[in-house]
């Protein structure tokens, strides 16, 4: 199978690229400097040349706060860039995997969001990613939409690396305790992508590690697993750390589609974190 990956230099794209390559797939991976997927002609030319069996679209505009003012740019990348890729995928008969986000939901209450619940984004980023989802559903006959949350891994910047770096010269940290969600290890998500792309069980899936925690609890777990018990973590509220774009208080994702389609669910976030810190962080 030929696999084309966008966002190939990003956190998830790099993980998927290495994982699929090790398994023997013919992988074509492109970062933003290699492929401008907002250019319809460039996308069409490349995909007709490679003729991939699967496109994993992990490239995106992800600057949540900046998107509040760079509205056109966010939609250009997340909506119309996605459209360009889907149209070209359909032309060559490729399956299309779109990496989406928990930000498509309102982020309110305490009930975990399953795949059939209404989307009500509260940010430009979330709205633009939902627009991408809608275009995928309208234009692709063979799509998987994978919504994920709180992603971390060996490549790129993430919350785990930030906490560990801060711990090098601090003994106390304050972390928000009123935002709850599901951390996601990129290696586990890459494994799921490899499994699902070989099927015809198309649709929307919530793909995070299982279990829930607040950012404060996530930070505590990071330091415990890393043997940094001397770091004191203090809980604060979101209002104490204002940002241009509102952060969802509820990023809990329920994996209904994984259950109903008979896939093995993701492992618990704490188990994934322990493996990541043992294997990846030196």
C-alpha atoms as a PDB file:
ATOM      1  CA  UNK A   1       0.000   0.000   0.000  1.00  0.00           C
ATOM      2  CA  UNK A   2       1.071   3.542  -0.787  1.00  0.00           C
ATOM      3  CA  UNK A   3       0.404   6.028   2.017  1.00  0.00           C
ATOM      4  CA  UNK A   4       0.603   9.802   1.599  1.00  0.00           C
ATOM      5  CA  UNK A   5       0.920  11.839   4.802  1.00  0.00           C
ATOM      6  CA  UNK A   6       0.449  15.575   5.232  1.00  0.00           C
ATOM      7  CA  UNK A   7       1.857  17.349   8.267  1.00  0.00           C
ATOM      8  CA  UNK A   8       4.732  14.905   7.950  1.00  0.00           C
ATOM      9  CA  UNK A   9       7.099  17.069   9.995  1.00  0.00           C
ATOM     10  CA  UNK A  10       4.621  17.595  12.819  1.00  0.00           C
ATOM     11  CA  UNK A  11       4.166  15.698  16.052  1.00  0.00           C
ATOM     12  CA  UNK A  12       1.670  13.103  14.822  1.00  0.00           C
ATOM     13  CA  UNK A  13       2.709  13.091  11.172  1.00  0.00           C
ATOM     14  CA  UNK A  14       6.298  12.226  12.049  1.00  0.00           C
ATOM     15  CA  UNK A  15       5.158   9.400  14.325  1.00  0.00           C
ATOM     16  CA  UNK A  16       2.853   7.945  11.657  1.00  0.00           C
ATOM     17  CA  UNK A  17       5.551   8.294   8.997  1.00  0.00           C
ATOM     18  CA  UNK A  18       8.136   6.327  10.989  1.00  0.00           C
ATOM     19  CA  UNK A  19       5.623   3.749  12.217  1.00  0.00           C
ATOM     20  CA  UNK A  20       4.225   2.904   8.787  1.00  0.00           C
ATOM     21  CA  UNK A  21       7.669   2.926   7.194  1.00  0.00           C
ATOM     22  CA  UNK A  22       8.924   0.386   9.740  1.00  0.00           C
ATOM     23  CA  UNK A  23       5.989  -1.870   8.866  1.00  0.00           C
ATOM     24  CA  UNK A  24       7.019  -1.862   5.217  1.00  0.00           C
ATOM     25  CA  UNK A  25       4.489   0.530   3.704  1.00  0.00           C
ATOM     26  CA  UNK A  26       5.487   2.791   0.814  1.00  0.00           C
ATOM     27  CA  UNK A  27       5.267   6.137   2.591  1.00  0.00           C
ATOM     28  CA  UNK A  28       5.242   9.610   1.050  1.00  0.00           C
ATOM     29  CA  UNK A  29       5.424  12.171   3.838  1.00  0.00           C
ATOM     30  CA  UNK A  30       5.224  15.927   3.297  1.00  0.00           C
ATOM     31  CA  UNK A  31       5.724  18.863   5.620  1.00  0.00           C
ATOM     32  CA  UNK A  32       4.334  22.316   4.925  1.00  0.00           C
ATOM     33  CA  UNK A  33       7.487  23.350   3.042  1.00  0.00           C
ATOM     34  CA  UNK A  34       7.190  20.266   0.795  1.00  0.00           C
ATOM     35  CA  UNK A  35       3.494  20.459  -0.058  1.00  0.00           C
ATOM     36  CA  UNK A  36       1.204  23.480   0.020  1.00  0.00           C
ATOM     37  CA  UNK A  37      -2.123  21.697   0.214  1.00  0.00           C
ATOM     38  CA  UNK A  38      -3.971  25.019  -0.026  1.00  0.00           C
ATOM     39  CA  UNK A  39      -2.817  25.009  -3.668  1.00  0.00           C
ATOM     40  CA  UNK A  40      -5.411  22.923  -5.494  1.00  0.00           C
ATOM     41  CA  UNK A  41      -3.326  22.378  -8.653  1.00  0.00           C
ATOM     42  CA  UNK A  42      -0.206  21.360  -6.723  1.00  0.00           C
ATOM     43  CA  UNK A  43      -2.211  18.862  -4.667  1.00  0.00           C
ATOM     44  CA  UNK A  44      -3.931  17.364  -7.704  1.00  0.00           C
ATOM     45  CA  UNK A  45      -0.669  17.016  -9.622  1.00  0.00           C
ATOM     46  CA  UNK A  46       1.144  15.278  -6.754  1.00  0.00           C
ATOM     47  CA  UNK A  47      -1.641  12.872  -5.846  1.00  0.00           C
ATOM     48  CA  UNK A  48      -2.238  11.870  -9.476  1.00  0.00           C
ATOM     49  CA  UNK A  49       1.496  11.229  -9.782  1.00  0.00           C
ATOM     50  CA  UNK A  50       1.783   9.063  -6.640  1.00  0.00           C
ATOM     51  CA  UNK A  51      -1.713   7.568  -6.726  1.00  0.00           C
ATOM     52  CA  UNK A  52      -1.747   6.640  -3.007  1.00  0.00           C
ATOM     53  CA  UNK A  53      -4.096   4.045  -1.553  1.00  0.00           C
ATOM     54  CA  UNK A  54      -4.533   6.073   1.643  1.00  0.00           C
ATOM     55  CA  UNK A  55      -4.063   9.748   2.526  1.00  0.00           C
ATOM     56  CA  UNK A  56      -3.476  10.587   6.198  1.00  0.00           C
ATOM     57  CA  UNK A  57      -4.211  14.286   6.551  1.00  0.00           C
ATOM     58  CA  UNK A  58      -2.572  15.387   9.799  1.00  0.00           C
ATOM     59  CA  UNK A  59      -1.479  18.780   8.493  1.00  0.00           C
ATOM     60  CA  UNK A  60      -3.470  21.661   9.947  1.00  0.00           C
ATOM     61  CA  UNK A  61      -3.534  25.228  11.218  1.00  0.00           C
ATOM     62  CA  UNK A  62      -3.309  24.561  14.961  1.00  0.00           C
ATOM     63  CA  UNK A  63      -2.537  27.968  16.504  1.00  0.00           C
ATOM     64  CA  UNK A  64      -5.650  28.090  18.677  1.00  0.00           C
ATOM     65  CA  UNK A  65      -5.175  31.625  20.001  1.00  0.00           C
ATOM     66  CA  UNK A  66      -3.824  33.146  16.781  1.00  0.00           C
ATOM     67  CA  UNK A  67      -6.767  31.736  14.823  1.00  0.00           C
ATOM     68  CA  UNK A  68      -9.079  34.153  16.642  1.00  0.00           C
ATOM     69  CA  UNK A  69      -7.540  36.969  14.576  1.00  0.00           C
ATOM     70  CA  UNK A  70      -6.191  34.988  11.595  1.00  0.00           C
ATOM     71  CA  UNK A  71      -9.646  33.704  10.678  1.00  0.00           C
ATOM     72  CA  UNK A  72      -9.125  33.501   6.922  1.00  0.00           C
ATOM     73  CA  UNK A  73      -5.837  31.667   7.310  1.00  0.00           C
ATOM     74  CA  UNK A  74      -7.377  29.070   9.637  1.00  0.00           C
ATOM     75  CA  UNK A  75     -10.217  28.316   7.213  1.00  0.00           C
ATOM     76  CA  UNK A  76      -7.890  28.400   4.190  1.00  0.00           C
ATOM     77  CA  UNK A  77      -5.790  25.610   5.676  1.00  0.00           C
ATOM     78  CA  UNK A  78      -8.289  23.574   7.693  1.00  0.00           C
ATOM     79  CA  UNK A  79     -11.285  23.802   5.361  1.00  0.00           C
ATOM     80  CA  UNK A  80     -10.205  24.457   1.771  1.00  0.00           C
ATOM     81  CA  UNK A  81      -6.827  22.771   2.127  1.00  0.00           C
ATOM     82  CA  UNK A  82      -8.688  19.683   3.275  1.00  0.00           C
ATOM     83  CA  UNK A  83     -11.129  20.029   0.362  1.00  0.00           C
ATOM     84  CA  UNK A  84      -8.259  20.060  -2.139  1.00  0.00           C
ATOM     85  CA  UNK A  85      -6.865  16.827  -0.728  1.00  0.00           C
ATOM     86  CA  UNK A  86     -10.250  15.084  -0.589  1.00  0.00           C
ATOM     87  CA  UNK A  87     -11.117  15.945  -4.193  1.00  0.00           C
ATOM     88  CA  UNK A  88      -7.770  14.588  -5.391  1.00  0.00           C
ATOM     89  CA  UNK A  89      -8.157  11.491  -3.182  1.00  0.00           C
ATOM     90  CA  UNK A  90     -11.547  10.750  -4.740  1.00  0.00           C
ATOM     91  CA  UNK A  91     -10.091  11.127  -8.232  1.00  0.00           C
ATOM     92  CA  UNK A  92      -7.590   8.318  -7.607  1.00  0.00           C
ATOM     93  CA  UNK A  93      -9.838   6.207  -5.354  1.00  0.00           C
ATOM     94  CA  UNK A  94      -7.821   6.749  -2.154  1.00  0.00           C
ATOM     95  CA  UNK A  95      -9.152   6.326   1.356  1.00  0.00           C
ATOM     96  CA  UNK A  96      -9.017   9.560   3.328  1.00  0.00           C
ATOM     97  CA  UNK A  97      -8.095   9.867   7.017  1.00  0.00           C
ATOM     98  CA  UNK A  98      -8.715  13.310   8.515  1.00  0.00           C
ATOM     99  CA  UNK A  99      -7.225  14.088  11.929  1.00  0.00           C
ATOM    100  CA  UNK A 100      -9.657  16.284  13.843  1.00  0.00           C
ATOM    101  CA  UNK A 101     -10.041  17.535  17.398  1.00  0.00           C
ATOM    102  CA  UNK A 102     -12.166  17.680  20.530  1.00  0.00           C
ATOM    103  CA  UNK A 103     -12.474  21.435  19.851  1.00  0.00           C
ATOM    104  CA  UNK A 104     -15.386  20.701  17.488  1.00  0.00           C
ATOM    105  CA  UNK A 105     -17.517  20.347  20.646  1.00  0.00           C
ATOM    106  CA  UNK A 106     -18.692  23.050  23.037  1.00  0.00           C
ATOM    107  CA  UNK A 107     -16.482  21.658  25.800  1.00  0.00           C
ATOM    108  CA  UNK A 108     -19.164  22.074  28.450  1.00  0.00           C
ATOM    109  CA  UNK A 109     -20.633  19.837  31.150  1.00  0.00           C
ATOM    110  CA  UNK A 110     -19.038  16.613  32.358  1.00  0.00           C
ATOM    111  CA  UNK A 111     -20.497  13.959  30.052  1.00  0.00           C
ATOM    112  CA  UNK A 112     -17.948  12.469  27.614  1.00  0.00           C
ATOM    113  CA  UNK A 113     -18.696  13.339  23.994  1.00  0.00           C
ATOM    114  CA  UNK A 114     -19.468  10.419  21.670  1.00  0.00           C
ATOM    115  CA  UNK A 115     -19.339  10.549  17.889  1.00  0.00           C
ATOM    116  CA  UNK A 116     -23.033  11.209  17.321  1.00  0.00           C
ATOM    117  CA  UNK A 117     -23.355  14.188  19.655  1.00  0.00           C
ATOM    118  CA  UNK A 118     -23.869  17.677  18.219  1.00  0.00           C
ATOM    119  CA  UNK A 119     -20.812  19.786  17.453  1.00  0.00           C
ATOM    120  CA  UNK A 120     -20.808  23.353  18.769  1.00  0.00           C
ATOM    121  CA  UNK A 121     -17.307  24.823  18.487  1.00  0.00           C
ATOM    122  CA  UNK A 122     -16.525  27.868  20.609  1.00  0.00           C
ATOM    123  CA  UNK A 123     -13.299  28.894  18.830  1.00  0.00           C
ATOM    124  CA  UNK A 124     -12.275  29.783  15.283  1.00  0.00           C
ATOM    125  CA  UNK A 125      -9.877  26.830  15.362  1.00  0.00           C
ATOM    126  CA  UNK A 126     -12.705  24.459  16.288  1.00  0.00           C
ATOM    127  CA  UNK A 127     -15.035  25.965  13.691  1.00  0.00           C
ATOM    128  CA  UNK A 128     -12.413  25.654  10.951  1.00  0.00           C
ATOM    129  CA  UNK A 129     -11.665  22.020  11.851  1.00  0.00           C
ATOM    130  CA  UNK A 130     -15.399  21.255  11.826  1.00  0.00           C
ATOM    131  CA  UNK A 131     -15.624  22.870   8.389  1.00  0.00           C
ATOM    132  CA  UNK A 132     -12.903  20.456   7.285  1.00  0.00           C
ATOM    133  CA  UNK A 133     -14.881  17.538   8.711  1.00  0.00           C
ATOM    134  CA  UNK A 134     -17.977  18.633   6.818  1.00  0.00           C
ATOM    135  CA  UNK A 135     -16.120  18.895   3.526  1.00  0.00           C
ATOM    136  CA  UNK A 136     -14.630  15.432   4.046  1.00  0.00           C
ATOM    137  CA  UNK A 137     -18.098  13.976   4.606  1.00  0.00           C
ATOM    138  CA  UNK A 138     -19.530  15.815   1.591  1.00  0.00           C
ATOM    139  CA  UNK A 139     -16.755  14.980  -0.867  1.00  0.00           C
ATOM    140  CA  UNK A 140     -15.219  11.635   0.159  1.00  0.00           C
ATOM    141  CA  UNK A 141     -16.816   8.219  -0.320  1.00  0.00           C
ATOM    142  CA  UNK A 142     -14.169   6.456   1.793  1.00  0.00           C
ATOM    143  CA  UNK A 143     -13.316   8.529   4.831  1.00  0.00           C
ATOM    144  CA  UNK A 144     -12.259   8.163   8.442  1.00  0.00           C
ATOM    145  CA  UNK A 145     -12.483  11.224  10.693  1.00  0.00           C
ATOM    146  CA  UNK A 146     -10.381  10.709  13.823  1.00  0.00           C
ATOM    147  CA  UNK A 147     -11.002  13.217  16.611  1.00  0.00           C
ATOM    148  CA  UNK A 148      -8.266  13.286  19.195  1.00  0.00           C
ATOM    149  CA  UNK A 149      -7.178  15.408  22.170  1.00  0.00           C
ATOM    150  CA  UNK A 150      -4.209  16.427  24.324  1.00  0.00           C
ATOM    151  CA  UNK A 151      -1.664  14.861  21.982  1.00  0.00           C
ATOM    152  CA  UNK A 152       1.937  14.205  23.014  1.00  0.00           C
ATOM    153  CA  UNK A 153       4.775  12.067  21.688  1.00  0.00           C
ATOM    154  CA  UNK A 154       8.440  11.789  20.828  1.00  0.00           C
ATOM    155  CA  UNK A 155       8.402  14.475  18.144  1.00  0.00           C
ATOM    156  CA  UNK A 156       7.640  18.178  18.392  1.00  0.00           C
ATOM    157  CA  UNK A 157       6.552  20.226  21.386  1.00  0.00           C
ATOM    158  CA  UNK A 158       3.866  19.087  23.808  1.00  0.00           C
ATOM    159  CA  UNK A 159       2.627  19.389  27.386  1.00  0.00           C
ATOM    160  CA  UNK A 160       4.741  16.505  28.720  1.00  0.00           C
ATOM    161  CA  UNK A 161       7.982  17.962  27.380  1.00  0.00           C
ATOM    162  CA  UNK A 162       7.020  21.420  28.636  1.00  0.00           C
ATOM    163  CA  UNK A 163       6.450  20.119  32.171  1.00  0.00           C
ATOM    164  CA  UNK A 164       9.751  18.235  32.178  1.00  0.00           C
ATOM    165  CA  UNK A 165      11.633  21.285  30.893  1.00  0.00           C
ATOM    166  CA  UNK A 166      10.064  23.557  33.512  1.00  0.00           C
ATOM    167  CA  UNK A 167      11.020  21.047  36.209  1.00  0.00           C
ATOM    168  CA  UNK A 168      14.709  21.572  35.402  1.00  0.00           C
ATOM    169  CA  UNK A 169      14.800  24.965  37.087  1.00  0.00           C
ATOM    170  CA  UNK A 170      11.603  25.126  39.139  1.00  0.00           C
ATOM    171  CA  UNK A 171      10.362  23.368  42.227  1.00  0.00           C
ATOM    172  CA  UNK A 172       6.775  24.620  42.034  1.00  0.00           C
ATOM    173  CA  UNK A 173       4.320  24.911  39.144  1.00  0.00           C
ATOM    174  CA  UNK A 174       0.704  26.008  38.797  1.00  0.00           C
ATOM    175  CA  UNK A 175      -1.508  24.077  36.369  1.00  0.00           C
ATOM    176  CA  UNK A 176      -5.218  24.393  35.576  1.00  0.00           C
ATOM    177  CA  UNK A 177      -7.457  21.872  37.322  1.00  0.00           C
ATOM    178  CA  UNK A 178     -10.857  22.725  35.815  1.00  0.00           C
ATOM    179  CA  UNK A 179     -10.164  21.463  32.281  1.00  0.00           C
ATOM    180  CA  UNK A 180     -10.619  17.683  32.003  1.00  0.00           C
ATOM    181  CA  UNK A 181      -9.781  15.504  29.031  1.00  0.00           C
ATOM    182  CA  UNK A 182      -8.047  12.478  27.586  1.00  0.00           C
ATOM    183  CA  UNK A 183      -4.292  12.576  26.881  1.00  0.00           C
ATOM    184  CA  UNK A 184      -3.270  10.824  23.656  1.00  0.00           C
ATOM    185  CA  UNK A 185       0.090   9.196  22.930  1.00  0.00           C
ATOM    186  CA  UNK A 186       0.985   9.592  19.240  1.00  0.00           C
ATOM    187  CA  UNK A 187       2.396   6.054  19.048  1.00  0.00           C
ATOM    188  CA  UNK A 188      -0.954   4.587  20.104  1.00  0.00           C
ATOM    189  CA  UNK A 189      -2.794   6.775  17.605  1.00  0.00           C
ATOM    190  CA  UNK A 190      -0.399   5.711  14.834  1.00  0.00           C
ATOM    191  CA  UNK A 191      -1.158   2.069  15.647  1.00  0.00           C
ATOM    192  CA  UNK A 192      -4.887   2.717  15.378  1.00  0.00           C
ATOM    193  CA  UNK A 193      -4.466   4.527  12.061  1.00  0.00           C
ATOM    194  CA  UNK A 194      -2.614   1.515  10.642  1.00  0.00           C
ATOM    195  CA  UNK A 195      -5.379  -0.829  11.779  1.00  0.00           C
ATOM    196  CA  UNK A 196      -8.346   1.185  10.577  1.00  0.00           C
ATOM    197  CA  UNK A 197      -6.956   2.182   7.188  1.00  0.00           C
ATOM    198  CA  UNK A 198      -7.047  -1.472   6.104  1.00  0.00           C
ATOM    199  CA  UNK A 199     -10.802  -1.688   6.761  1.00  0.00           C
ATOM    200  CA  UNK A 200     -13.949  -0.300   5.178  1.00  0.00           C
ATOM    201  CA  UNK A 201     -15.476   0.715   8.508  1.00  0.00           C
ATOM    202  CA  UNK A 202     -15.718   4.334   7.476  1.00  0.00           C
ATOM    203  CA  UNK A 203     -17.012   7.137   9.665  1.00  0.00           C
ATOM    204  CA  UNK A 204     -16.113   9.298  12.653  1.00  0.00           C
ATOM    205  CA  UNK A 205     -14.040   7.905  15.528  1.00  0.00           C
ATOM    206  CA  UNK A 206     -12.897   9.327  18.860  1.00  0.00           C
ATOM    207  CA  UNK A 207      -9.289   8.303  19.274  1.00  0.00           C
ATOM    208  CA  UNK A 208      -7.630   9.162  22.573  1.00  0.00           C
ATOM    209  CA  UNK A 209      -6.182   7.074  25.338  1.00  0.00           C
ATOM    210  CA  UNK A 210      -8.878   5.937  27.767  1.00  0.00           C
ATOM    211  CA  UNK A 211      -9.547   7.504  31.149  1.00  0.00           C
ATOM    212  CA  UNK A 212      -9.745  11.182  32.043  1.00  0.00           C
ATOM    213  CA  UNK A 213      -7.724  13.688  34.042  1.00  0.00           C
ATOM    214  CA  UNK A 214      -7.278  17.421  34.443  1.00  0.00           C
ATOM    215  CA  UNK A 215      -4.139  19.169  33.219  1.00  0.00           C
ATOM    216  CA  UNK A 216      -3.154  19.446  36.895  1.00  0.00           C
ATOM    217  CA  UNK A 217      -3.558  15.686  37.381  1.00  0.00           C
ATOM    218  CA  UNK A 218      -1.717  15.051  34.123  1.00  0.00           C
ATOM    219  CA  UNK A 219       1.206  17.151  35.359  1.00  0.00           C
ATOM    220  CA  UNK A 220       1.258  15.321  38.687  1.00  0.00           C
ATOM    221  CA  UNK A 221       1.362  11.977  36.863  1.00  0.00           C
ATOM    222  CA  UNK A 222       4.200  13.154  34.611  1.00  0.00           C
ATOM    223  CA  UNK A 223       6.371  14.052  37.579  1.00  0.00           C
ATOM    224  CA  UNK A 224       5.486  10.860  39.449  1.00  0.00           C
ATOM    225  CA  UNK A 225       6.305   8.643  36.466  1.00  0.00           C
ATOM    226  CA  UNK A 226       9.526  10.579  35.820  1.00  0.00           C
ATOM    227  CA  UNK A 227      10.626  10.238  39.450  1.00  0.00           C
ATOM    228  CA  UNK A 228      10.404  13.980  40.077  1.00  0.00           C
ATOM    229  CA  UNK A 229       8.365  13.804  43.253  1.00  0.00           C
ATOM    230  CA  UNK A 230      10.025  16.945  44.639  1.00  0.00           C
ATOM    231  CA  UNK A 231       8.107  19.137  42.164  1.00  0.00           C
ATOM    232  CA  UNK A 232       5.051  20.710  43.798  1.00  0.00           C
ATOM    233  CA  UNK A 233       2.089  21.237  41.486  1.00  0.00           C
ATOM    234  CA  UNK A 234      -0.588  23.712  42.527  1.00  0.00           C
ATOM    235  CA  UNK A 235      -4.106  23.621  41.031  1.00  0.00           C
ATOM    236  CA  UNK A 236      -5.466  26.845  39.533  1.00  0.00           C
ATOM    237  CA  UNK A 237      -8.603  27.741  37.586  1.00  0.00           C
ATOM    238  CA  UNK A 238      -8.844  28.650  33.920  1.00  0.00           C
ATOM    239  CA  UNK A 239      -9.836  32.218  34.832  1.00  0.00           C
ATOM    240  CA  UNK A 240      -6.422  32.606  36.480  1.00  0.00           C
ATOM    241  CA  UNK A 241      -4.734  31.951  33.129  1.00  0.00           C
ATOM    242  CA  UNK A 242      -6.727  33.913  30.491  1.00  0.00           C
ATOM    243  CA  UNK A 243      -6.157  33.194  26.789  1.00  0.00           C
ATOM    244  CA  UNK A 244      -7.550  34.816  23.606  1.00  0.00           C
ATOM    245  CA  UNK A 245      -9.405  31.615  22.683  1.00  0.00           C
ATOM    246  CA  UNK A 246     -11.502  29.846  25.319  1.00  0.00           C
ATOM    247  CA  UNK A 247     -10.280  26.391  26.325  1.00  0.00           C
ATOM    248  CA  UNK A 248     -12.851  23.593  26.668  1.00  0.00           C
ATOM    249  CA  UNK A 249     -13.563  22.616  30.256  1.00  0.00           C
ATOM    250  CA  UNK A 250     -14.737  19.212  29.028  1.00  0.00           C
ATOM    251  CA  UNK A 251     -12.508  17.429  26.511  1.00  0.00           C
ATOM    252  CA  UNK A 252     -13.626  13.950  27.547  1.00  0.00           C
ATOM    253  CA  UNK A 253     -14.067  11.710  24.489  1.00  0.00           C
ATOM    254  CA  UNK A 254     -16.241   8.588  24.576  1.00  0.00           C
ATOM    255  CA  UNK A 255     -15.126   5.869  22.139  1.00  0.00           C
ATOM    256  CA  UNK A 256     -18.542   4.643  21.034  1.00  0.00           C
ATOM    257  CA  UNK A 257     -17.504   4.046  17.413  1.00  0.00           C
ATOM    258  CA  UNK A 258     -14.498   1.969  18.485  1.00  0.00           C
ATOM    259  CA  UNK A 259     -16.764  -0.205  20.640  1.00  0.00           C
ATOM    260  CA  UNK A 260     -19.562  -0.605  18.119  1.00  0.00           C
ATOM    261  CA  UNK A 261     -17.213  -1.443  15.255  1.00  0.00           C
ATOM    262  CA  UNK A 262     -15.388  -4.095  17.265  1.00  0.00           C
ATOM    263  CA  UNK A 263     -11.969  -2.470  17.464  1.00  0.00           C
ATOM    264  CA  UNK A 264      -9.750  -2.903  20.477  1.00  0.00           C
ATOM    265  CA  UNK A 265      -9.886   0.258  22.556  1.00  0.00           C
ATOM    266  CA  UNK A 266      -6.893   2.405  23.436  1.00  0.00           C
ATOM    267  CA  UNK A 267      -5.054   1.636  26.666  1.00  0.00           C
ATOM    268  CA  UNK A 268      -5.369   3.869  29.715  1.00  0.00           C
ATOM    269  CA  UNK A 269      -3.596   7.209  29.463  1.00  0.00           C
ATOM    270  CA  UNK A 270      -1.477   6.527  32.547  1.00  0.00           C
ATOM    271  CA  UNK A 271      -0.083   3.292  31.078  1.00  0.00           C
ATOM    272  CA  UNK A 272       0.725   5.060  27.805  1.00  0.00           C
ATOM    273  CA  UNK A 273       2.423   7.921  29.655  1.00  0.00           C
ATOM    274  CA  UNK A 274       4.601   5.524  31.647  1.00  0.00           C
ATOM    275  CA  UNK A 275       5.789   3.812  28.458  1.00  0.00           C
ATOM    276  CA  UNK A 276       6.459   7.114  26.746  1.00  0.00           C
ATOM    277  CA  UNK A 277       8.573   8.418  29.611  1.00  0.00           C
ATOM    278  CA  UNK A 278      10.475   5.150  29.847  1.00  0.00           C
ATOM    279  CA  UNK A 279      11.204   4.790  26.131  1.00  0.00           C
ATOM    280  CA  UNK A 280      11.266   8.257  24.629  1.00  0.00           C
ATOM    281  CA  UNK A 281      12.393  10.801  27.195  1.00  0.00           C
ATOM    282  CA  UNK A 282      16.080  10.681  27.975  1.00  0.00           C
END
